[in-house]
Amino acid sequence: MPLILFLSFAIAVAGVLILPGLSDFVPLAGPAALASPVLLLQAWFRPRTAKPKLMLIDGSTVLYWRDGTPQLDALREAISHLRTLGCTPDVVFDANAGYLLAEKYKHHRRMGALLGLPEDQVMVVDKRKRPA
């Protein structure tokens, strides 16, 4: 956007200098043409922030990665590894995951607490939902 502003005001200044009928635009085009390179340089040298890499994990599957029994440690390790790679892990569980781990349904808040994740990074399918 700063490049577009710079080019627009540079053209406007050139037009004002070439066509005498546009002299009324000098108070607008002049300062804007002087300010737009500053905006252009700011945009050019502004540090780029990387967008977070979101990774979706099927938590119900990863629970079984170690010896075929559901274990939170396998999932915790996967989450930790993804974080070291600069990723933001989001975990999805089926409704059965809580029953496998604690013999009762656990909602996203509780599963997030078990994993050390905020609740907005964990989704547990509602136990009342039936597949279509």
Protein backbone atom coordinates (compact mmCIF):
# COMPACT_ATOMS: atom_id res chain seq x y z
CA MET A 1 0.00 0.00 0.00
CA PRO A 2 2.77 2.52 0.76
CA LEU A 3 4.22 1.86 -2.70
CA ILE A 4 0.86 2.64 -4.31
CA LEU A 5 0.59 5.86 -2.29
CA PHE A 6 4.12 6.87 -3.25
CA LEU A 7 3.52 6.24 -6.96
CA SER A 8 0.13 8.00 -6.87
CA PHE A 9 1.50 11.14 -5.25
CA ALA A 10 4.60 11.14 -7.46
CA ILE A 11 2.30 11.09 -10.51
CA ALA A 12 0.18 13.84 -8.95
CA VAL A 13 3.23 16.04 -8.37
CA ALA A 14 4.42 15.41 -11.93
CA GLY A 15 0.94 16.36 -13.19
CA VAL A 16 0.94 19.55 -11.14
CA LEU A 17 4.35 20.53 -12.51
CA ILE A 18 3.45 19.76 -16.13
CA LEU A 19 -0.11 21.06 -16.29
CA PRO A 20 -0.49 24.61 -14.95
CA GLY A 21 -4.26 24.20 -14.44
CA LEU A 22 -3.63 21.72 -11.62
CA SER A 23 -1.74 24.18 -9.40
CA ASP A 24 -4.59 24.06 -6.84
CA PHE A 25 -3.43 20.54 -5.95
CA VAL A 26 0.10 21.62 -4.90
CA PRO A 27 -0.84 22.03 -1.18
CA LEU A 28 -2.13 18.44 -1.16
CA ALA A 29 0.20 16.63 -3.55
CA GLY A 30 3.45 18.22 -2.33
CA PRO A 31 3.36 17.21 1.36
CA ALA A 32 1.85 13.85 0.52
CA ALA A 33 4.62 13.16 -2.00
CA LEU A 34 7.19 14.04 0.67
CA ALA A 35 5.53 11.87 3.35
CA SER A 36 4.89 8.80 1.22
CA PRO A 37 8.60 7.79 0.94
CA VAL A 38 8.74 7.76 4.74
CA LEU A 39 5.81 5.35 4.82
CA LEU A 40 7.44 3.28 2.10
CA LEU A 41 10.71 3.01 4.04
CA GLN A 42 8.87 2.14 7.26
CA ALA A 43 7.02 -0.66 5.50
CA TRP A 44 10.20 -1.90 3.86
CA PHE A 45 12.22 -2.11 7.09
CA ARG A 46 9.41 -3.17 9.44
CA PRO A 47 10.25 -6.56 10.95
CA ARG A 48 8.11 -9.29 9.49
CA THR A 49 6.22 -11.34 12.01
CA ALA A 50 5.71 -14.91 11.00
CA LYS A 51 2.18 -16.20 11.01
CA PRO A 52 1.70 -19.02 13.47
CA LYS A 53 1.67 -22.45 11.87
CA LEU A 54 -1.50 -24.08 13.10
CA MET A 55 -1.38 -27.86 13.33
CA LEU A 56 -4.48 -29.95 13.89
CA ILE A 57 -3.92 -33.13 15.91
CA ASP A 58 -6.34 -36.03 16.07
CA GLY A 59 -5.91 -36.50 19.81
CA SER A 60 -7.96 -39.68 19.92
CA THR A 61 -5.51 -41.34 17.52
CA VAL A 62 -2.28 -39.99 19.03
CA LEU A 63 -3.34 -41.29 22.46
CA TYR A 64 -2.65 -44.81 21.09
CA TRP A 65 0.82 -44.16 19.63
CA ARG A 66 2.60 -45.87 22.52
CA ASP A 67 2.00 -49.60 22.90
CA GLY A 68 -1.63 -49.40 21.73
CA THR A 69 -3.11 -48.20 25.02
CA PRO A 70 -4.49 -44.67 25.43
CA GLN A 71 -1.88 -42.46 27.15
CA LEU A 72 -1.77 -38.70 27.51
CA ASP A 73 2.04 -38.72 27.57
CA ALA A 74 2.22 -39.66 23.88
CA LEU A 75 -0.01 -36.70 23.04
CA ARG A 76 1.93 -34.36 25.34
CA GLU A 77 5.16 -35.32 23.57
CA ALA A 78 3.61 -34.66 20.15
CA ILE A 79 2.36 -31.25 21.32
CA SER A 80 5.77 -30.40 22.79
CA HIS A 81 7.55 -31.43 19.59
CA LEU A 82 5.22 -29.31 17.44
CA ARG A 83 5.83 -26.32 19.71
CA THR A 84 9.62 -26.68 19.32
CA LEU A 85 9.03 -26.52 15.55
CA GLY A 86 7.20 -23.21 16.00
CA CYS A 87 3.72 -24.65 15.50
CA THR A 88 0.54 -23.98 17.43
CA PRO A 89 -1.18 -27.31 18.08
CA ASP A 90 -4.97 -27.62 18.13
CA VAL A 91 -6.25 -30.97 19.38
CA VAL A 92 -9.54 -32.64 18.47
CA PHE A 93 -10.96 -35.60 20.40
CA ASP A 94 -13.97 -37.78 19.84
CA ALA A 95 -16.43 -37.95 22.74
CA ASN A 96 -15.02 -41.31 23.83
CA ALA A 97 -11.55 -39.96 24.75
CA GLY A 98 -12.51 -38.99 28.30
CA TYR A 99 -14.01 -42.43 28.91
CA LEU A 100 -10.78 -44.06 27.72
CA LEU A 101 -8.66 -41.98 30.09
CA ALA A 102 -10.87 -41.54 33.16
CA GLU A 103 -14.02 -43.58 32.56
CA LYS A 104 -16.17 -40.47 32.14
CA TYR A 105 -16.80 -37.77 29.54
CA LYS A 106 -14.37 -34.86 29.66
CA HIS A 107 -15.14 -31.58 27.91
CA HIS A 108 -12.61 -29.37 26.12
CA ARG A 109 -11.76 -27.34 29.22
CA ARG A 110 -10.82 -30.41 31.24
CA MET A 111 -8.92 -32.08 28.39
CA GLY A 112 -7.06 -28.82 27.77
CA ALA A 113 -6.08 -28.66 31.44
CA LEU A 114 -4.76 -32.23 31.28
CA LEU A 115 -2.63 -31.30 28.26
CA GLY A 116 -1.54 -27.84 29.39
CA LEU A 117 -3.40 -26.18 26.51
CA PRO A 118 -5.90 -23.32 26.63
CA GLU A 119 -9.47 -24.40 26.03
CA ASP A 120 -9.63 -22.64 22.66
CA GLN A 121 -6.98 -25.08 21.36
CA VAL A 122 -8.92 -28.20 22.34
CA MET A 123 -12.18 -29.53 20.96
CA VAL A 124 -14.02 -32.56 22.27
CA VAL A 125 -16.99 -33.74 20.25
CA ASP A 126 -20.18 -33.41 22.25
CA LYS A 127 -21.22 -36.78 23.68
CA ARG A 128 -24.78 -36.23 22.49
CA LYS A 129 -23.79 -35.89 18.83
CA ARG A 130 -24.51 -38.84 16.57
CA PRO A 131 -22.81 -39.28 13.19
CA ALA A 132 -25.05 -38.48 10.24
